[in-house]
Amino acid sequence: IKKLRQLEILNIEGNQLSALPSGL
C-alpha cells in the first residue's frame, strides 16, 4: 500500500484489522 504515493484519504473501519501495515 506504500506504493499509493498520492493517497490522502483512507477508510478501513469495520474490518478485521488488529494492526496497520507499516507502509502507511
mmCIF file of all heavy atoms, coordinates in Angstrom:
data_MODEL
# 
_entry.id   MODEL 
# 
loop_
_atom_site.group_PDB 
_atom_site.id 
_atom_site.type_symbol 
_atom_site.label_atom_id 
_atom_site.label_alt_id 
_atom_site.label_comp_id 
_atom_site.label_asym_id 
_atom_site.label_entity_id 
_atom_site.label_seq_id 
_atom_site.pdbx_PDB_ins_code 
_atom_site.Cartn_x 
_atom_site.Cartn_y 
_atom_site.Cartn_z 
_atom_site.occupancy 
_atom_site.B_iso_or_equiv 
_atom_site.pdbx_formal_charge 
_atom_site.auth_seq_id 
_atom_site.auth_comp_id 
_atom_site.auth_asym_id 
_atom_site.auth_atom_id 
_atom_site.pdbx_PDB_model_num 
ATOM 1   N N   . ILE A 1 1  ? 0.836   -1.201 0.000  1.00 0.00 ? 1  ILE A N   1 
ATOM 2   C CA  . ILE A 1 1  ? 0.000   0.000  0.000  1.00 0.00 ? 1  ILE A CA  1 
ATOM 3   C C   . ILE A 1 1  ? 0.873   1.254  0.000  1.00 0.00 ? 1  ILE A C   1 
ATOM 4   O O   . ILE A 1 1  ? 0.439   2.337  -0.384 1.00 0.00 ? 1  ILE A O   1 
ATOM 5   C CB  . ILE A 1 1  ? -0.972  -0.004 1.199  1.00 0.00 ? 1  ILE A CB  1 
ATOM 6   C CG1 . ILE A 1 1  ? -2.087  1.027  1.002  1.00 0.00 ? 1  ILE A CG1 1 
ATOM 7   C CG2 . ILE A 1 1  ? -0.224  0.193  2.505  1.00 0.00 ? 1  ILE A CG2 1 
ATOM 8   C CD1 . ILE A 1 1  ? -3.198  0.954  2.026  1.00 0.00 ? 1  ILE A CD1 1 
ATOM 9   N N   . LYS A 1 2  ? 2.122   1.107  0.391  1.00 0.00 ? 2  LYS A N   1 
ATOM 10  C CA  . LYS A 1 2  ? 3.047   2.249  0.397  1.00 0.00 ? 2  LYS A CA  1 
ATOM 11  C C   . LYS A 1 2  ? 3.321   2.782  -1.009 1.00 0.00 ? 2  LYS A C   1 
ATOM 12  O O   . LYS A 1 2  ? 3.833   3.887  -1.171 1.00 0.00 ? 2  LYS A O   1 
ATOM 13  C CB  . LYS A 1 2  ? 4.370   1.856  1.058  1.00 0.00 ? 2  LYS A CB  1 
ATOM 14  C CG  . LYS A 1 2  ? 5.152   0.792  0.310  1.00 0.00 ? 2  LYS A CG  1 
ATOM 15  C CD  . LYS A 1 2  ? 6.394   0.372  1.086  1.00 0.00 ? 2  LYS A CD  1 
ATOM 16  C CE  . LYS A 1 2  ? 7.140   -0.751 0.375  1.00 0.00 ? 2  LYS A CE  1 
ATOM 17  N NZ  . LYS A 1 2  ? 8.305   -1.224 1.163  1.00 0.00 ? 2  LYS A NZ  1 
ATOM 18  N N   . LYS A 1 3  ? 2.953   1.999  -2.032 1.00 0.00 ? 3  LYS A N   1 
ATOM 19  C CA  . LYS A 1 3  ? 3.147   2.439  -3.418 1.00 0.00 ? 3  LYS A CA  1 
ATOM 20  C C   . LYS A 1 3  ? 2.115   3.488  -3.843 1.00 0.00 ? 3  LYS A C   1 
ATOM 21  O O   . LYS A 1 3  ? 2.304   4.147  -4.867 1.00 0.00 ? 3  LYS A O   1 
ATOM 22  C CB  . LYS A 1 3  ? 3.073   1.243  -4.367 1.00 0.00 ? 3  LYS A CB  1 
ATOM 23  C CG  . LYS A 1 3  ? 4.181   0.215  -4.162 1.00 0.00 ? 3  LYS A CG  1 
ATOM 24  C CD  . LYS A 1 3  ? 4.007   -0.958 -5.100 1.00 0.00 ? 3  LYS A CD  1 
ATOM 25  C CE  . LYS A 1 3  ? 5.092   -1.998 -4.906 1.00 0.00 ? 3  LYS A CE  1 
ATOM 26  N NZ  . LYS A 1 3  ? 4.883   -3.185 -5.789 1.00 0.00 ? 3  LYS A NZ  1 
ATOM 27  N N   . LEU A 1 4  ? 1.033   3.626  -3.076 1.00 0.00 ? 4  LEU A N   1 
ATOM 28  C CA  . LEU A 1 4  ? -0.017  4.596  -3.418 1.00 0.00 ? 4  LEU A CA  1 
ATOM 29  C C   . LEU A 1 4  ? 0.413   5.980  -2.935 1.00 0.00 ? 4  LEU A C   1 
ATOM 30  O O   . LEU A 1 4  ? -0.115  6.523  -1.963 1.00 0.00 ? 4  LEU A O   1 
ATOM 31  C CB  . LEU A 1 4  ? -1.345  4.183  -2.803 1.00 0.00 ? 4  LEU A CB  1 
ATOM 32  C CG  . LEU A 1 4  ? -1.894  2.820  -3.229 1.00 0.00 ? 4  LEU A CG  1 
ATOM 33  C CD1 . LEU A 1 4  ? -3.197  2.521  -2.502 1.00 0.00 ? 4  LEU A CD1 1 
ATOM 34  C CD2 . LEU A 1 4  ? -2.107  2.772  -4.736 1.00 0.00 ? 4  LEU A CD2 1 
ATOM 35  N N   . ARG A 1 5  ? 1.358   6.569  -3.603 1.00 0.00 ? 5  ARG A N   1 
ATOM 36  C CA  . ARG A 1 5  ? 2.023   7.794  -3.154 1.00 0.00 ? 5  ARG A CA  1 
ATOM 37  C C   . ARG A 1 5  ? 1.113   9.009  -3.126 1.00 0.00 ? 5  ARG A C   1 
ATOM 38  O O   . ARG A 1 5  ? 1.440   10.018 -2.504 1.00 0.00 ? 5  ARG A O   1 
ATOM 39  C CB  . ARG A 1 5  ? 3.229   8.082  -4.056 1.00 0.00 ? 5  ARG A CB  1 
ATOM 40  C CG  . ARG A 1 5  ? 4.346   7.045  -3.960 1.00 0.00 ? 5  ARG A CG  1 
ATOM 41  C CD  . ARG A 1 5  ? 5.003   7.102  -2.606 1.00 0.00 ? 5  ARG A CD  1 
ATOM 42  N NE  . ARG A 1 5  ? 6.155   6.207  -2.528 1.00 0.00 ? 5  ARG A NE  1 
ATOM 43  C CZ  . ARG A 1 5  ? 6.911   6.076  -1.450 1.00 0.00 ? 5  ARG A CZ  1 
ATOM 44  N NH1 . ARG A 1 5  ? 6.618   6.779  -0.368 1.00 0.00 ? 5  ARG A NH1 1 
ATOM 45  N NH2 . ARG A 1 5  ? 7.931   5.261  -1.436 1.00 0.00 ? 5  ARG A NH2 1 
ATOM 46  N N   . GLN A 1 6  ? -0.035  8.952  -3.809 1.00 0.00 ? 6  GLN A N   1 
ATOM 47  C CA  . GLN A 1 6  ? -0.965  10.086 -3.838 1.00 0.00 ? 6  GLN A CA  1 
ATOM 48  C C   . GLN A 1 6  ? -2.110  9.939  -2.832 1.00 0.00 ? 6  GLN A C   1 
ATOM 49  O O   . GLN A 1 6  ? -2.962  10.818 -2.733 1.00 0.00 ? 6  GLN A O   1 
ATOM 50  C CB  . GLN A 1 6  ? -1.556  10.249 -5.252 1.00 0.00 ? 6  GLN A CB  1 
ATOM 51  C CG  . GLN A 1 6  ? -0.530  10.373 -6.368 1.00 0.00 ? 6  GLN A CG  1 
ATOM 52  C CD  . GLN A 1 6  ? 0.317   11.616 -6.221 1.00 0.00 ? 6  GLN A CD  1 
ATOM 53  O OE1 . GLN A 1 6  ? -0.178  12.678 -5.841 1.00 0.00 ? 6  GLN A OE1 1 
ATOM 54  N NE2 . GLN A 1 6  ? 1.601   11.499 -6.520 1.00 0.00 ? 6  GLN A NE2 1 
ATOM 55  N N   . LEU A 1 7  ? -2.141  8.833  -2.091 1.00 0.00 ? 7  LEU A N   1 
ATOM 56  C CA  . LEU A 1 7  ? -3.281  8.534  -1.234 1.00 0.00 ? 7  LEU A CA  1 
ATOM 57  C C   . LEU A 1 7  ? -3.374  9.518  -0.068 1.00 0.00 ? 7  LEU A C   1 
ATOM 58  O O   . LEU A 1 7  ? -2.444  9.644  0.732  1.00 0.00 ? 7  LEU A O   1 
ATOM 59  C CB  . LEU A 1 7  ? -3.184  7.100  -0.699 1.00 0.00 ? 7  LEU A CB  1 
ATOM 60  C CG  . LEU A 1 7  ? -4.459  6.529  -0.077 1.00 0.00 ? 7  LEU A CG  1 
ATOM 61  C CD1 . LEU A 1 7  ? -5.555  6.401  -1.119 1.00 0.00 ? 7  LEU A CD1 1 
ATOM 62  C CD2 . LEU A 1 7  ? -4.181  5.181  0.572  1.00 0.00 ? 7  LEU A CD2 1 
ATOM 63  N N   . GLU A 1 8  ? -4.507  10.199 0.028  1.00 0.00 ? 8  GLU A N   1 
ATOM 64  C CA  . GLU A 1 8  ? -4.738  11.183 1.088  1.00 0.00 ? 8  GLU A CA  1 
ATOM 65  C C   . GLU A 1 8  ? -5.878  10.795 2.016  1.00 0.00 ? 8  GLU A C   1 
ATOM 66  O O   . GLU A 1 8  ? -5.893  11.201 3.170  1.00 0.00 ? 8  GLU A O   1 
ATOM 67  C CB  . GLU A 1 8  ? -5.041  12.555 0.468  1.00 0.00 ? 8  GLU A CB  1 
ATOM 68  C CG  . GLU A 1 8  ? -3.876  13.138 -0.327 1.00 0.00 ? 8  GLU A CG  1 
ATOM 69  C CD  . GLU A 1 8  ? -4.191  14.513 -0.879 1.00 0.00 ? 8  GLU A CD  1 
ATOM 70  O OE1 . GLU A 1 8  ? -5.383  14.913 -0.846 1.00 0.00 ? 8  GLU A OE1 1 
ATOM 71  O OE2 . GLU A 1 8  ? -3.262  15.192 -1.341 1.00 0.00 ? 8  GLU A OE2 1 
ATOM 72  N N   . ILE A 1 9  ? -6.834  10.007 1.514  1.00 0.00 ? 9  ILE A N   1 
ATOM 73  C CA  . ILE A 1 9  ? -8.000  9.613  2.303  1.00 0.00 ? 9  ILE A CA  1 
ATOM 74  C C   . ILE A 1 9  ? -8.098  8.085  2.298  1.00 0.00 ? 9  ILE A C   1 
ATOM 75  O O   . ILE A 1 9  ? -8.144  7.467  1.233  1.00 0.00 ? 9  ILE A O   1 
ATOM 76  C CB  . ILE A 1 9  ? -9.295  10.228 1.732  1.00 0.00 ? 9  ILE A CB  1 
ATOM 77  C CG1 . ILE A 1 9  ? -9.221  11.759 1.761  1.00 0.00 ? 9  ILE A CG1 1 
ATOM 78  C CG2 . ILE A 1 9  ? -10.509 9.736  2.497  1.00 0.00 ? 9  ILE A CG2 1 
ATOM 79  C CD1 . ILE A 1 9  ? -10.381 12.444 1.070  1.00 0.00 ? 9  ILE A CD1 1 
ATOM 80  N N   . LEU A 1 10 ? -8.116  7.497  3.489  1.00 0.00 ? 10 LEU A N   1 
ATOM 81  C CA  . LEU A 1 10 ? -8.206  6.046  3.616  1.00 0.00 ? 10 LEU A CA  1 
ATOM 82  C C   . LEU A 1 10 ? -9.213  5.705  4.697  1.00 0.00 ? 10 LEU A C   1 
ATOM 83  O O   . LEU A 1 10 ? -9.075  6.114  5.852  1.00 0.00 ? 10 LEU A O   1 
ATOM 84  C CB  . LEU A 1 10 ? -6.836  5.453  3.966  1.00 0.00 ? 10 LEU A CB  1 
ATOM 85  C CG  . LEU A 1 10 ? -6.799  3.938  4.202  1.00 0.00 ? 10 LEU A CG  1 
ATOM 86  C CD1 . LEU A 1 10 ? -7.205  3.175  2.938  1.00 0.00 ? 10 LEU A CD1 1 
ATOM 87  C CD2 . LEU A 1 10 ? -5.410  3.494  4.665  1.00 0.00 ? 10 LEU A CD2 1 
ATOM 88  N N   . ASN A 1 11 ? -10.238 4.940  4.319  1.00 0.00 ? 11 ASN A N   1 
ATOM 89  C CA  . ASN A 1 11 ? -11.254 4.481  5.259  1.00 0.00 ? 11 ASN A CA  1 
ATOM 90  C C   . ASN A 1 11 ? -11.203 2.961  5.327  1.00 0.00 ? 11 ASN A C   1 
ATOM 91  O O   . ASN A 1 11 ? -11.540 2.281  4.352  1.00 0.00 ? 11 ASN A O   1 
ATOM 92  C CB  . ASN A 1 11 ? -12.643 4.959  4.825  1.00 0.00 ? 11 ASN A CB  1 
ATOM 93  C CG  . ASN A 1 11 ? -13.713 4.647  5.871  1.00 0.00 ? 11 ASN A CG  1 
ATOM 94  O OD1 . ASN A 1 11 ? -13.457 3.962  6.864  1.00 0.00 ? 11 ASN A OD1 1 
ATOM 95  N ND2 . ASN A 1 11 ? -14.914 5.135  5.641  1.00 0.00 ? 11 ASN A ND2 1 
ATOM 96  N N   . ILE A 1 12 ? -10.755 2.439  6.466  1.00 0.00 ? 12 ILE A N   1 
ATOM 97  C CA  . ILE A 1 12 ? -10.652 0.985  6.641  1.00 0.00 ? 12 ILE A CA  1 
ATOM 98  C C   . ILE A 1 12 ? -11.452 0.526  7.864  1.00 0.00 ? 12 ILE A C   1 
ATOM 99  O O   . ILE A 1 12 ? -11.232 -0.578 8.372  1.00 0.00 ? 12 ILE A O   1 
ATOM 100 C CB  . ILE A 1 12 ? -9.182  0.531  6.769  1.00 0.00 ? 12 ILE A CB  1 
ATOM 101 C CG1 . ILE A 1 12 ? -8.473  1.309  7.876  1.00 0.00 ? 12 ILE A CG1 1 
ATOM 102 C CG2 . ILE A 1 12 ? -8.447  0.699  5.450  1.00 0.00 ? 12 ILE A CG2 1 
ATOM 103 C CD1 . ILE A 1 12 ? -7.035  0.877  8.112  1.00 0.00 ? 12 ILE A CD1 1 
ATOM 104 N N   . GLU A 1 13 ? -12.374 1.350  8.329  1.00 0.00 ? 13 GLU A N   1 
ATOM 105 C CA  . GLU A 1 13 ? -13.130 0.986  9.528  1.00 0.00 ? 13 GLU A CA  1 
ATOM 106 C C   . GLU A 1 13 ? -14.036 -0.221 9.260  1.00 0.00 ? 13 GLU A C   1 
ATOM 107 O O   . GLU A 1 13 ? -14.379 -0.530 8.119  1.00 0.00 ? 13 GLU A O   1 
ATOM 108 C CB  . GLU A 1 13 ? -13.959 2.171  10.023 1.00 0.00 ? 13 GLU A CB  1 
ATOM 109 C CG  . GLU A 1 13 ? -15.112 2.569  9.138  1.00 0.00 ? 13 GLU A CG  1 
ATOM 110 C CD  . GLU A 1 13 ? -15.985 3.634  9.786  1.00 0.00 ? 13 GLU A CD  1 
ATOM 111 O OE1 . GLU A 1 13 ? -16.171 3.582  11.015 1.00 0.00 ? 13 GLU A OE1 1 
ATOM 112 O OE2 . GLU A 1 13 ? -16.486 4.507  9.064  1.00 0.00 ? 13 GLU A OE2 1 
ATOM 113 N N   . GLY A 1 14 ? -14.390 -0.908 10.350 1.00 0.00 ? 14 GLY A N   1 
ATOM 114 C CA  . GLY A 1 14 ? -15.316 -2.027 10.244 1.00 0.00 ? 14 GLY A CA  1 
ATOM 115 C C   . GLY A 1 14 ? -14.734 -3.262 9.590  1.00 0.00 ? 14 GLY A C   1 
ATOM 116 O O   . GLY A 1 14 ? -15.481 -4.077 9.052  1.00 0.00 ? 14 GLY A O   1 
ATOM 117 N N   . ASN A 1 15 ? -13.412 -3.431 9.643  1.00 0.00 ? 15 ASN A N   1 
ATOM 118 C CA  . ASN A 1 15 ? -12.771 -4.641 9.121  1.00 0.00 ? 15 ASN A CA  1 
ATOM 119 C C   . ASN A 1 15 ? -12.197 -5.460 10.277 1.00 0.00 ? 15 ASN A C   1 
ATOM 120 O O   . ASN A 1 15 ? -12.402 -5.150 11.444 1.00 0.00 ? 15 ASN A O   1 
ATOM 121 C CB  . ASN A 1 15 ? -11.697 -4.268 8.100  1.00 0.00 ? 15 ASN A CB  1 
ATOM 122 C CG  . ASN A 1 15 ? -12.286 -3.980 6.726  1.00 0.00 ? 15 ASN A CG  1 
ATOM 123 O OD1 . ASN A 1 15 ? -12.700 -4.873 6.004  1.00 0.00 ? 15 ASN A OD1 1 
ATOM 124 N ND2 . ASN A 1 15 ? -12.339 -2.700 6.376  1.00 0.00 ? 15 ASN A ND2 1 
ATOM 125 N N   . GLN A 1 16 ? -11.462 -6.511 9.954  1.00 0.00 ? 16 GLN A N   1 
ATOM 126 C CA  . GLN A 1 16 ? -10.916 -7.418 10.970 1.00 0.00 ? 16 GLN A CA  1 
ATOM 127 C C   . GLN A 1 16 ? -9.465  -7.084 11.319 1.00 0.00 ? 16 GLN A C   1 
ATOM 128 O O   . GLN A 1 16 ? -8.742  -7.925 11.838 1.00 0.00 ? 16 GLN A O   1 
ATOM 129 C CB  . GLN A 1 16 ? -10.989 -8.864 10.450 1.00 0.00 ? 16 GLN A CB  1 
ATOM 130 C CG  . GLN A 1 16 ? -12.349 -9.298 9.955  1.00 0.00 ? 16 GLN A CG  1 
ATOM 131 C CD  . GLN A 1 16 ? -13.385 -9.331 11.057 1.00 0.00 ? 16 GLN A CD  1 
ATOM 132 O OE1 . GLN A 1 16 ? -13.107 -9.792 12.160 1.00 0.00 ? 16 GLN A OE1 1 
ATOM 133 N NE2 . GLN A 1 16 ? -14.568 -8.838 10.785 1.00 0.00 ? 16 GLN A NE2 1 
ATOM 134 N N   . LEU A 1 17 ? -9.028  -5.879 11.028 1.00 0.00 ? 17 LEU A N   1 
ATOM 135 C CA  . LEU A 1 17 ? -7.634  -5.496 11.230 1.00 0.00 ? 17 LEU A CA  1 
ATOM 136 C C   . LEU A 1 17 ? -7.319  -5.295 12.704 1.00 0.00 ? 17 LEU A C   1 
ATOM 137 O O   . LEU A 1 17 ? -8.049  -4.617 13.413 1.00 0.00 ? 17 LEU A O   1 
ATOM 138 C CB  . LEU A 1 17 ? -7.332  -4.207 10.466 1.00 0.00 ? 17 LEU A CB  1 
ATOM 139 C CG  . LEU A 1 17 ? -7.452  -4.294 8.941  1.00 0.00 ? 17 LEU A CG  1 
ATOM 140 C CD1 . LEU A 1 17 ? -7.492  -2.896 8.346  1.00 0.00 ? 17 LEU A CD1 1 
ATOM 141 C CD2 . LEU A 1 17 ? -6.300  -5.090 8.364  1.00 0.00 ? 17 LEU A CD2 1 
ATOM 142 N N   . SER A 1 18 ? -6.193  -5.860 13.162 1.00 0.00 ? 18 SER A N   1 
ATOM 143 C CA  . SER A 1 18 ? -5.744  -5.623 14.533 1.00 0.00 ? 18 SER A CA  1 
ATOM 144 C C   . SER A 1 18 ? -4.494  -4.745 14.569 1.00 0.00 ? 18 SER A C   1 
ATOM 145 O O   . SER A 1 18 ? -4.067  -4.317 15.641 1.00 0.00 ? 18 SER A O   1 
ATOM 146 C CB  . SER A 1 18 ? -5.481  -6.948 15.246 1.00 0.00 ? 18 SER A CB  1 
ATOM 147 O OG  . SER A 1 18 ? -4.588  -7.744 14.498 1.00 0.00 ? 18 SER A OG  1 
ATOM 148 N N   . ALA A 1 19 ? -3.893  -4.480 13.406 1.00 0.00 ? 19 ALA A N   1 
ATOM 149 C CA  . ALA A 1 19 ? -2.762  -3.558 13.281 1.00 0.00 ? 19 ALA A CA  1 
ATOM 150 C C   . ALA A 1 19 ? -2.716  -3.076 11.840 1.00 0.00 ? 19 ALA A C   1 
ATOM 151 O O   . ALA A 1 19 ? -3.352  -3.653 10.951 1.00 0.00 ? 19 ALA A O   1 
ATOM 152 C CB  . ALA A 1 19 ? -1.447  -4.235 13.673 1.00 0.00 ? 19 ALA A CB  1 
ATOM 153 N N   . LEU A 1 20 ? -1.973  -2.017 11.610 1.00 0.00 ? 20 LEU A N   1 
ATOM 154 C CA  . LEU A 1 20 ? -1.897  -1.407 10.289 1.00 0.00 ? 20 LEU A CA  1 
ATOM 155 C C   . LEU A 1 20 ? -0.568  -1.745 9.623  1.00 0.00 ? 20 LEU A C   1 
ATOM 156 O O   . LEU A 1 20 ? 0.443   -1.945 10.302 1.00 0.00 ? 20 LEU A O   1 
ATOM 157 C CB  . LEU A 1 20 ? -2.029  0.115  10.419 1.00 0.00 ? 20 LEU A CB  1 
ATOM 158 C CG  . LEU A 1 20 ? -3.284  0.621  11.128 1.00 0.00 ? 20 LEU A CG  1 
ATOM 159 C CD1 . LEU A 1 20 ? -3.203  2.125  11.342 1.00 0.00 ? 20 LEU A CD1 1 
ATOM 160 C CD2 . LEU A 1 20 ? -4.521  0.254  10.339 1.00 0.00 ? 20 LEU A CD2 1 
ATOM 161 N N   . PRO A 1 21 ? -0.546  -1.786 8.290  1.00 0.00 ? 21 PRO A N   1 
ATOM 162 C CA  . PRO A 1 21 ? 0.725   -2.047 7.604  1.00 0.00 ? 21 PRO A CA  1 
ATOM 163 C C   . PRO A 1 21 ? 1.679   -0.868 7.772  1.00 0.00 ? 21 PRO A C   1 
ATOM 164 O O   . PRO A 1 21 ? 1.267   0.293  7.714  1.00 0.00 ? 21 PRO A O   1 
ATOM 165 C CB  . PRO A 1 21 ? 0.306   -2.225 6.141  1.00 0.00 ? 21 PRO A CB  1 
ATOM 166 C CG  . PRO A 1 21 ? -0.979  -1.498 6.009  1.00 0.00 ? 21 PRO A CG  1 
ATOM 167 C CD  . PRO A 1 21 ? -1.657  -1.621 7.338  1.00 0.00 ? 21 PRO A CD  1 
ATOM 168 N N   . SER A 1 22 ? 2.936   -1.159 7.979  1.00 0.00 ? 22 SER A N   1 
ATOM 169 C CA  . SER A 1 22 ? 3.918   -0.099 8.218  1.00 0.00 ? 22 SER A CA  1 
ATOM 170 C C   . SER A 1 22 ? 4.063   0.819  7.013  1.00 0.00 ? 22 SER A C   1 
ATOM 171 O O   . SER A 1 22 ? 4.503   1.966  7.154  1.00 0.00 ? 22 SER A O   1 
ATOM 172 C CB  . SER A 1 22 ? 5.280   -0.712 8.567  1.00 0.00 ? 22 SER A CB  1 
ATOM 173 O OG  . SER A 1 22 ? 5.740   -1.566 7.514  1.00 0.00 ? 22 SER A OG  1 
ATOM 174 N N   . GLY A 1 23 ? 3.677   0.356  5.825  1.00 0.00 ? 23 GLY A N   1 
ATOM 175 C CA  . GLY A 1 23 ? 3.770   1.179  4.628  1.00 0.00 ? 23 GLY A CA  1 
ATOM 176 C C   . GLY A 1 23 ? 2.940   2.450  4.699  1.00 0.00 ? 23 GLY A C   1 
ATOM 177 O O   . GLY A 1 23 ? 3.228   3.426  3.999  1.00 0.00 ? 23 GLY A O   1 
ATOM 178 N N   . LEU A 1 24 ? 1.916   2.455  5.575  1.00 0.00 ? 24 LEU A N   1 
ATOM 179 C CA  . LEU A 1 24 ? 1.095   3.661  5.718  1.00 0.00 ? 24 LEU A CA  1 
ATOM 180 C C   . LEU A 1 24 ? 1.912   4.841  6.229  1.00 0.00 ? 24 LEU A C   1 
ATOM 181 O O   . LEU A 1 24 ? 1.584   5.995  5.977  1.00 0.00 ? 24 LEU A O   1 
ATOM 182 C CB  . LEU A 1 24 ? -0.066  3.409  6.689  1.00 0.00 ? 24 LEU A CB  1 
ATOM 183 C CG  . LEU A 1 24 ? -1.220  2.543  6.218  1.00 0.00 ? 24 LEU A CG  1 
ATOM 184 C CD1 . LEU A 1 24 ? -2.323  2.537  7.271  1.00 0.00 ? 24 LEU A CD1 1 
ATOM 185 C CD2 . LEU A 1 24 ? -1.789  3.032  4.896  1.00 0.00 ? 24 LEU A CD2 1 
# 
